[in-house]
Structures are given as C-alpha cells and as structure tokens.
Amino acid sequence: MGYSINTAKYHYIEWYGWDEKAGAKGVFVSSELYNSENDAFETVNLSKIENYTVVILDLSKQLLAGWKEAEPEPTR
C-alpha cells in the first residue's frame, strides 16, 4: 500500500505492507522521493541519498499528519 504527498518541489511516497487481518497498513517497506522541478518523469529516486534525510523526515511527518493538516488557513 502506498501513501504519497506532493509539494511544489517534491513527490514523496511511503510503501507499507498490508495487514489483511486488521484491514490496515502494516509494516513500513520503503520510500521514494522525486524532485518534481528537475525530474518531471520521476526517474531518479532520491530517498537513499543522505543529503535528503531532512526533506524526507519533514515530508513523512506531513504525510502522517494527513491532508487536513496541510490545508491552508481560510482567509477573512
């Protein structure tokens, strides 16, 4: 099962096993990170490059928080 988040610069994906008994995501399997500005066809996975550790941690936290947390504040 894959879960992803897109920002203006990155596309980040987390892959998990599927727990059929619980009907929910299981254990983390792997991740992918693509620079959408420089790699529109997502050919270079940056997730194993140490320089991107902070980016991955930030995007993973945002992904875990869910899409509702990413919504902009309403303007008045």
PDB file of N, CA and C in Angstrom:
ATOM      1  N   MET A   1       0.851  -1.151   0.000  1.00  0.00           N
ATOM      2  CA  MET A   1       0.000   0.000   0.000  1.00  0.00           C
ATOM      3  C   MET A   1       0.904   1.223   0.000  1.00  0.00           C
ATOM      4  N   GLY A   2       0.628   2.170  -0.892  1.00  0.00           N
ATOM      5  CA  GLY A   2       1.437   3.378  -0.977  1.00  0.00           C
ATOM      6  C   GLY A   2       0.671   4.612  -0.531  1.00  0.00           C
ATOM      7  N   TYR A   3       1.359   5.502   0.140  1.00  0.00           N
ATOM      8  CA  TYR A   3       0.811   6.785   0.566  1.00  0.00           C
ATOM      9  C   TYR A   3       1.774   7.857   0.072  1.00  0.00           C
ATOM     10  N   SER A   4       1.247   8.947  -0.488  1.00  0.00           N
ATOM     11  CA  SER A   4       2.155   9.950  -1.035  1.00  0.00           C
ATOM     12  C   SER A   4       1.708  11.368  -0.724  1.00  0.00           C
ATOM     13  N   ILE A   5       2.668  12.271  -0.859  1.00  0.00           N
ATOM     14  CA  ILE A   5       2.432  13.696  -0.679  1.00  0.00           C
ATOM     15  C   ILE A   5       3.195  14.424  -1.784  1.00  0.00           C
ATOM     16  N   ASN A   6       2.545  15.431  -2.348  1.00  0.00           N
ATOM     17  CA  ASN A   6       3.166  16.275  -3.365  1.00  0.00           C
ATOM     18  C   ASN A   6       3.293  17.686  -2.824  1.00  0.00           C
ATOM     19  N   THR A   7       4.458  18.279  -3.021  1.00  0.00           N
ATOM     20  CA  THR A   7       4.651  19.692  -2.725  1.00  0.00           C
ATOM     21  C   THR A   7       5.054  20.352  -4.044  1.00  0.00           C
ATOM     22  N   ALA A   8       5.294  21.641  -4.010  1.00  0.00           N
ATOM     23  CA  ALA A   8       5.713  22.332  -5.230  1.00  0.00           C
ATOM     24  C   ALA A   8       7.031  21.766  -5.752  1.00  0.00           C
ATOM     25  N   LYS A   9       7.876  21.249  -4.859  1.00  0.00           N
ATOM     26  CA  LYS A   9       9.200  20.773  -5.266  1.00  0.00           C
ATOM     27  C   LYS A   9       9.350  19.254  -5.284  1.00  0.00           C
ATOM     28  N   TYR A  10       8.645  18.548  -4.399  1.00  0.00           N
ATOM     29  CA  TYR A  10       8.882  17.109  -4.238  1.00  0.00           C
ATOM     30  C   TYR A  10       7.608  16.268  -4.347  1.00  0.00           C
ATOM     31  N   HIS A  11       7.823  15.004  -4.713  1.00  0.00           N
ATOM     32  CA  HIS A  11       6.804  13.962  -4.614  1.00  0.00           C
ATOM     33  C   HIS A  11       7.427  12.880  -3.735  1.00  0.00           C
ATOM     34  N   TYR A  12       6.803  12.629  -2.576  1.00  0.00           N
ATOM     35  CA  TYR A  12       7.310  11.660  -1.615  1.00  0.00           C
ATOM     36  C   TYR A  12       6.290  10.547  -1.444  1.00  0.00           C
ATOM     37  N   ILE A  13       6.781   9.303  -1.440  1.00  0.00           N
ATOM     38  CA  ILE A  13       5.911   8.134  -1.338  1.00  0.00           C
ATOM     39  C   ILE A  13       6.450   7.198  -0.256  1.00  0.00           C
ATOM     40  N   GLU A  14       5.565   6.689   0.581  1.00  0.00           N
ATOM     41  CA  GLU A  14       5.916   5.651   1.546  1.00  0.00           C
ATOM     42  C   GLU A  14       5.145   4.391   1.199  1.00  0.00           C
ATOM     43  N   TRP A  15       5.833   3.261   1.204  1.00  0.00           N
ATOM     44  CA  TRP A  15       5.229   1.963   0.907  1.00  0.00           C
ATOM     45  C   TRP A  15       5.172   1.121   2.178  1.00  0.00           C
ATOM     46  N   TYR A  16       4.014   0.508   2.395  1.00  0.00           N
ATOM     47  CA  TYR A  16       3.774  -0.345   3.562  1.00  0.00           C
ATOM     48  C   TYR A  16       3.205  -1.682   3.103  1.00  0.00           C
ATOM     49  N   GLY A  17       3.467  -2.709   3.909  1.00  0.00           N
ATOM     50  CA  GLY A  17       2.776  -3.967   3.693  1.00  0.00           C
ATOM     51  C   GLY A  17       1.313  -3.783   4.068  1.00  0.00           C
ATOM     52  N   TRP A  18       0.488  -4.742   3.735  1.00  0.00           N
ATOM     53  CA  TRP A  18      -0.937  -4.663   4.068  1.00  0.00           C
ATOM     54  C   TRP A  18      -1.264  -5.774   5.052  1.00  0.00           C
ATOM     55  N   ASP A  19      -1.837  -5.421   6.186  1.00  0.00           N
ATOM     56  CA  ASP A  19      -2.254  -6.379   7.194  1.00  0.00           C
ATOM     57  C   ASP A  19      -3.688  -6.794   6.883  1.00  0.00           C
ATOM     58  N   GLU A  20      -3.836  -7.961   6.274  1.00  0.00           N
ATOM     59  CA  GLU A  20      -5.170  -8.410   5.852  1.00  0.00           C
ATOM     60  C   GLU A  20      -6.106  -8.666   7.030  1.00  0.00           C
ATOM     61  N   LYS A  21      -5.580  -9.179   8.129  1.00  0.00           N
ATOM     62  CA  LYS A  21      -6.425  -9.451   9.291  1.00  0.00           C
ATOM     63  C   LYS A  21      -7.006  -8.171   9.875  1.00  0.00           C
ATOM     64  N   ALA A  22      -6.173  -7.132   9.974  1.00  0.00           N
ATOM     65  CA  ALA A  22      -6.631  -5.862  10.551  1.00  0.00           C
ATOM     66  C   ALA A  22      -7.295  -4.976   9.507  1.00  0.00           C
ATOM     67  N   GLY A  23      -7.050  -5.269   8.234  1.00  0.00           N
ATOM     68  CA  GLY A  23      -7.581  -4.421   7.181  1.00  0.00           C
ATOM     69  C   GLY A  23      -6.975  -3.026   7.208  1.00  0.00           C
ATOM     70  N   ALA A  24      -5.666  -2.974   7.509  1.00  0.00           N
ATOM     71  CA  ALA A  24      -4.983  -1.689   7.650  1.00  0.00           C
ATOM     72  C   ALA A  24      -3.546  -1.803   7.179  1.00  0.00           C
ATOM     73  N   LYS A  25      -2.895  -0.645   7.068  1.00  0.00           N
ATOM     74  CA  LYS A  25      -1.499  -0.677   6.639  1.00  0.00           C
ATOM     75  C   LYS A  25      -0.661  -1.399   7.676  1.00  0.00           C
ATOM     76  N   GLY A  26       0.326  -2.105   7.178  1.00  0.00           N
ATOM     77  CA  GLY A  26       1.205  -2.877   8.042  1.00  0.00           C
ATOM     78  C   GLY A  26       2.553  -2.209   8.222  1.00  0.00           C
ATOM     79  N   VAL A  27       3.603  -2.978   8.121  1.00  0.00           N
ATOM     80  CA  VAL A  27       4.965  -2.542   8.378  1.00  0.00           C
ATOM     81  C   VAL A  27       5.506  -1.716   7.211  1.00  0.00           C
ATOM     82  N   PHE A  28       6.275  -0.670   7.545  1.00  0.00           N
ATOM     83  CA  PHE A  28       6.938   0.161   6.542  1.00  0.00           C
ATOM     84  C   PHE A  28       7.871  -0.704   5.712  1.00  0.00           C
ATOM     85  N   VAL A  29       7.829  -0.519   4.374  1.00  0.00           N
ATOM     86  CA  VAL A  29       8.665  -1.297   3.464  1.00  0.00           C
ATOM     87  C   VAL A  29       9.761  -0.431   2.851  1.00  0.00           C
ATOM     88  N   SER A  30       9.393   0.686   2.246  1.00  0.00           N
ATOM     89  CA  SER A  30      10.389   1.549   1.606  1.00  0.00           C
ATOM     90  C   SER A  30       9.776   2.911   1.297  1.00  0.00           C
ATOM     91  N   SER A  31      10.622   3.804   0.771  1.00  0.00           N
ATOM     92  CA  SER A  31      10.137   5.126   0.384  1.00  0.00           C
ATOM     93  C   SER A  31      10.766   5.546  -0.936  1.00  0.00           C
ATOM     94  N   GLU A  32      10.153   6.540  -1.551  1.00  0.00           N
ATOM     95  CA  GLU A  32      10.667   7.133  -2.782  1.00  0.00           C
ATOM     96  C   GLU A  32      10.549   8.646  -2.643  1.00  0.00           C
ATOM     97  N   LEU A  33      11.521   9.362  -3.210  1.00  0.00           N
ATOM     98  CA  LEU A  33      11.494  10.816  -3.222  1.00  0.00           C
ATOM     99  C   LEU A  33      11.951  11.292  -4.593  1.00  0.00           C
ATOM    100  N   TYR A  34      11.152  12.159  -5.182  1.00  0.00           N
ATOM    101  CA  TYR A  34      11.474  12.704  -6.504  1.00  0.00           C
ATOM    102  C   TYR A  34      11.424  14.221  -6.455  1.00  0.00           C
ATOM    103  N   ASN A  35      12.342  14.863  -7.166  1.00  0.00           N
ATOM    104  CA  ASN A  35      12.356  16.310  -7.303  1.00  0.00           C
ATOM    105  C   ASN A  35      11.500  16.658  -8.507  1.00  0.00           C
ATOM    106  N   SER A  36      10.319  17.154  -8.271  1.00  0.00           N
ATOM    107  CA  SER A  36       9.358  17.434  -9.346  1.00  0.00           C
ATOM    108  C   SER A  36       9.805  18.570 -10.257  1.00  0.00           C
ATOM    109  N   GLU A  37      10.612  19.478  -9.738  1.00  0.00           N
ATOM    110  CA  GLU A  37      11.096  20.596 -10.555  1.00  0.00           C
ATOM    111  C   GLU A  37      12.109  20.149 -11.596  1.00  0.00           C
ATOM    112  N   ASN A  38      12.981  19.203 -11.224  1.00  0.00           N
ATOM    113  CA  ASN A  38      14.074  18.787 -12.105  1.00  0.00           C
ATOM    114  C   ASN A  38      13.898  17.403 -12.717  1.00  0.00           C
ATOM    115  N   ASP A  39      12.877  16.669 -12.298  1.00  0.00           N
ATOM    116  CA  ASP A  39      12.693  15.282 -12.748  1.00  0.00           C
ATOM    117  C   ASP A  39      11.193  15.000 -12.891  1.00  0.00           C
ATOM    118  N   ALA A  40      10.584  15.638 -13.861  1.00  0.00           N
ATOM    119  CA  ALA A  40       9.121  15.546 -14.043  1.00  0.00           C
ATOM    120  C   ALA A  40       8.637  14.117 -14.275  1.00  0.00           C
ATOM    121  N   PHE A  41       9.485  13.265 -14.838  1.00  0.00           N
ATOM    122  CA  PHE A  41       9.078  11.885 -15.121  1.00  0.00           C
ATOM    123  C   PHE A  41       9.465  10.914 -14.010  1.00  0.00           C
ATOM    124  N   GLU A  42       9.968  11.455 -12.900  1.00  0.00           N
ATOM    125  CA  GLU A  42      10.308  10.660 -11.712  1.00  0.00           C
ATOM    126  C   GLU A  42      11.197   9.469 -12.048  1.00  0.00           C
ATOM    127  N   THR A  43      12.348   9.772 -12.604  1.00  0.00           N
ATOM    128  CA  THR A  43      13.282   8.716 -12.992  1.00  0.00           C
ATOM    129  C   THR A  43      14.406   8.503 -11.976  1.00  0.00           C
ATOM    130  N   VAL A  44      14.631   9.487 -11.087  1.00  0.00           N
ATOM    131  CA  VAL A  44      15.717   9.389 -10.112  1.00  0.00           C
ATOM    132  C   VAL A  44      15.143   9.436  -8.698  1.00  0.00           C
ATOM    133  N   ASN A  45      15.193   8.290  -8.012  1.00  0.00           N
ATOM    134  CA  ASN A  45      14.711   8.196  -6.640  1.00  0.00           C
ATOM    135  C   ASN A  45      15.795   8.730  -5.700  1.00  0.00           C
ATOM    136  N   LEU A  46      15.506   9.817  -5.001  1.00  0.00           N
ATOM    137  CA  LEU A  46      16.474  10.479  -4.129  1.00  0.00           C
ATOM    138  C   LEU A  46      16.444   9.969  -2.694  1.00  0.00           C
ATOM    139  N   SER A  47      15.581   9.026  -2.394  1.00  0.00           N
ATOM    140  CA  SER A  47      15.355   8.631  -0.997  1.00  0.00           C
ATOM    141  C   SER A  47      16.563   7.991  -0.325  1.00  0.00           C
ATOM    142  N   LYS A  48      17.499   7.460  -1.066  1.00  0.00           N
ATOM    143  CA  LYS A  48      18.668   6.804  -0.468  1.00  0.00           C
ATOM    144  C   LYS A  48      19.875   7.731  -0.382  1.00  0.00           C
ATOM    145  N   ILE A  49      19.704   8.986  -0.807  1.00  0.00           N
ATOM    146  CA  ILE A  49      20.806   9.944  -0.769  1.00  0.00           C
ATOM    147  C   ILE A  49      20.757  10.703   0.554  1.00  0.00           C
ATOM    148  N   GLU A  50      21.852  10.649   1.296  1.00  0.00           N
ATOM    149  CA  GLU A  50      21.907  11.190   2.648  1.00  0.00           C
ATOM    150  C   GLU A  50      21.535  12.672   2.723  1.00  0.00           C
ATOM    151  N   ASN A  51      21.837  13.454   1.704  1.00  0.00           N
ATOM    152  CA  ASN A  51      21.540  14.888   1.706  1.00  0.00           C
ATOM    153  C   ASN A  51      20.047  15.185   1.826  1.00  0.00           C
ATOM    154  N   TYR A  52      19.197  14.217   1.552  1.00  0.00           N
ATOM    155  CA  TYR A  52      17.753  14.428   1.552  1.00  0.00           C
ATOM    156  C   TYR A  52      17.071  13.919   2.822  1.00  0.00           C
ATOM    157  N   THR A  53      17.836  13.536   3.818  1.00  0.00           N
ATOM    158  CA  THR A  53      17.272  12.986   5.053  1.00  0.00           C
ATOM    159  C   THR A  53      16.302  13.955   5.719  1.00  0.00           C
ATOM    160  N   VAL A  54      16.672  15.223   5.824  1.00  0.00           N
ATOM    161  CA  VAL A  54      15.822  16.213   6.482  1.00  0.00           C
ATOM    162  C   VAL A  54      14.535  16.423   5.683  1.00  0.00           C
ATOM    163  N   VAL A  55      14.643  16.468   4.359  1.00  0.00           N
ATOM    164  CA  VAL A  55      13.462  16.622   3.490  1.00  0.00           C
ATOM    165  C   VAL A  55      12.520  15.446   3.698  1.00  0.00           C
ATOM    166  N   ILE A  56      13.068  14.246   3.726  1.00  0.00           N
ATOM    167  CA  ILE A  56      12.255  13.038   3.897  1.00  0.00           C
ATOM    168  C   ILE A  56      11.567  13.034   5.256  1.00  0.00           C
ATOM    169  N   LEU A  57      12.280  13.381   6.306  1.00  0.00           N
ATOM    170  CA  LEU A  57      11.670  13.419   7.638  1.00  0.00           C
ATOM    171  C   LEU A  57      10.528  14.425   7.691  1.00  0.00           C
ATOM    172  N   ASP A  58      10.725  15.595   7.100  1.00  0.00           N
ATOM    173  CA  ASP A  58       9.685  16.620   7.080  1.00  0.00           C
ATOM    174  C   ASP A  58       8.456  16.155   6.303  1.00  0.00           C
ATOM    175  N   LEU A  59       8.675  15.602   5.117  1.00  0.00           N
ATOM    176  CA  LEU A  59       7.551  15.139   4.295  1.00  0.00           C
ATOM    177  C   LEU A  59       6.843  13.953   4.937  1.00  0.00           C
ATOM    178  N   SER A  60       7.591  13.082   5.599  1.00  0.00           N
ATOM    179  CA  SER A  60       6.986  11.943   6.283  1.00  0.00           C
ATOM    180  C   SER A  60       6.077  12.413   7.420  1.00  0.00           C
ATOM    181  N   LYS A  61       6.519  13.428   8.170  1.00  0.00           N
ATOM    182  CA  LYS A  61       5.692  13.987   9.238  1.00  0.00           C
ATOM    183  C   LYS A  61       4.411  14.598   8.675  1.00  0.00           C
ATOM    184  N   GLN A  62       4.544  15.323   7.566  1.00  0.00           N
ATOM    185  CA  GLN A  62       3.367  15.920   6.935  1.00  0.00           C
ATOM    186  C   GLN A  62       2.410  14.836   6.451  1.00  0.00           C
ATOM    187  N   LEU A  63       2.954  13.789   5.876  1.00  0.00           N
ATOM    188  CA  LEU A  63       2.135  12.687   5.372  1.00  0.00           C
ATOM    189  C   LEU A  63       1.391  12.013   6.530  1.00  0.00           C
ATOM    190  N   LEU A  64       2.071  11.787   7.627  1.00  0.00           N
ATOM    191  CA  LEU A  64       1.456  11.163   8.793  1.00  0.00           C
ATOM    192  C   LEU A  64       0.347  12.050   9.378  1.00  0.00           C
ATOM    193  N   ALA A  65       0.550  13.365   9.357  1.00  0.00           N
ATOM    194  CA  ALA A  65      -0.445  14.292   9.897  1.00  0.00           C
ATOM    195  C   ALA A  65      -1.726  14.290   9.076  1.00  0.00           C
ATOM    196  N   GLY A  66      -1.633  13.939   7.808  1.00  0.00           N
ATOM    197  CA  GLY A  66      -2.816  13.850   6.958  1.00  0.00           C
ATOM    198  C   GLY A  66      -3.086  15.118   6.179  1.00  0.00           C
ATOM    199  N   TRP A  67      -3.918  14.996   5.181  1.00  0.00           N
ATOM    200  CA  TRP A  67      -4.180  16.107   4.271  1.00  0.00           C
ATOM    201  C   TRP A  67      -4.900  17.269   4.936  1.00  0.00           C
ATOM    202  N   LYS A  68      -5.724  16.989   5.934  1.00  0.00           N
ATOM    203  CA  LYS A  68      -6.455  18.085   6.588  1.00  0.00           C
ATOM    204  C   LYS A  68      -5.506  19.059   7.278  1.00  0.00           C
ATOM    205  N   GLU A  69      -4.389  18.557   7.801  1.00  0.00           N
ATOM    206  CA  GLU A  69      -3.400  19.423   8.446  1.00  0.00           C
ATOM    207  C   GLU A  69      -2.664  20.283   7.426  1.00  0.00           C
ATOM    208  N   ALA A  70      -2.655  19.875   6.170  1.00  0.00           N
ATOM    209  CA  ALA A  70      -1.921  20.605   5.139  1.00  0.00           C
ATOM    210  C   ALA A  70      -2.771  21.684   4.481  1.00  0.00           C
ATOM    211  N   GLU A  71      -4.069  21.718   4.773  1.00  0.00           N
ATOM    212  CA  GLU A  71      -4.932  22.723   4.177  1.00  0.00           C
ATOM    213  C   GLU A  71      -4.532  24.112   4.653  1.00  0.00           C
ATOM    214  N   PRO A  72      -4.539  25.106   3.761  1.00  0.00           N
ATOM    215  CA  PRO A  72      -4.210  26.463   4.194  1.00  0.00           C
ATOM    216  C   PRO A  72      -5.315  27.025   5.089  1.00  0.00           C
ATOM    217  N   GLU A  73      -4.914  27.951   5.939  1.00  0.00           N
ATOM    218  CA  GLU A  73      -5.887  28.624   6.793  1.00  0.00           C
ATOM    219  C   GLU A  73      -6.841  29.446   5.939  1.00  0.00           C
ATOM    220  N   PRO A  74      -8.133  29.460   6.277  1.00  0.00           N
ATOM    221  CA  PRO A  74      -9.069  30.272   5.494  1.00  0.00           C
ATOM    222  C   PRO A  74      -8.746  31.762   5.639  1.00  0.00           C
ATOM    223  N   THR A  75      -8.912  32.502   4.570  1.00  0.00           N
ATOM    224  CA  THR A  75      -8.691  33.934   4.621  1.00  0.00           C
ATOM    225  C   THR A  75      -9.983  34.639   5.002  1.00  0.00           C
ATOM    226  N   ARG A  76      -9.879  35.772   5.613  1.00  0.00           N
ATOM    227  CA  ARG A  76     -11.069  36.513   6.043  1.00  0.00           C
ATOM    228  C   ARG A  76     -11.251  37.737   5.188  1.00  0.00           C
TER     229      ARG A  76
END
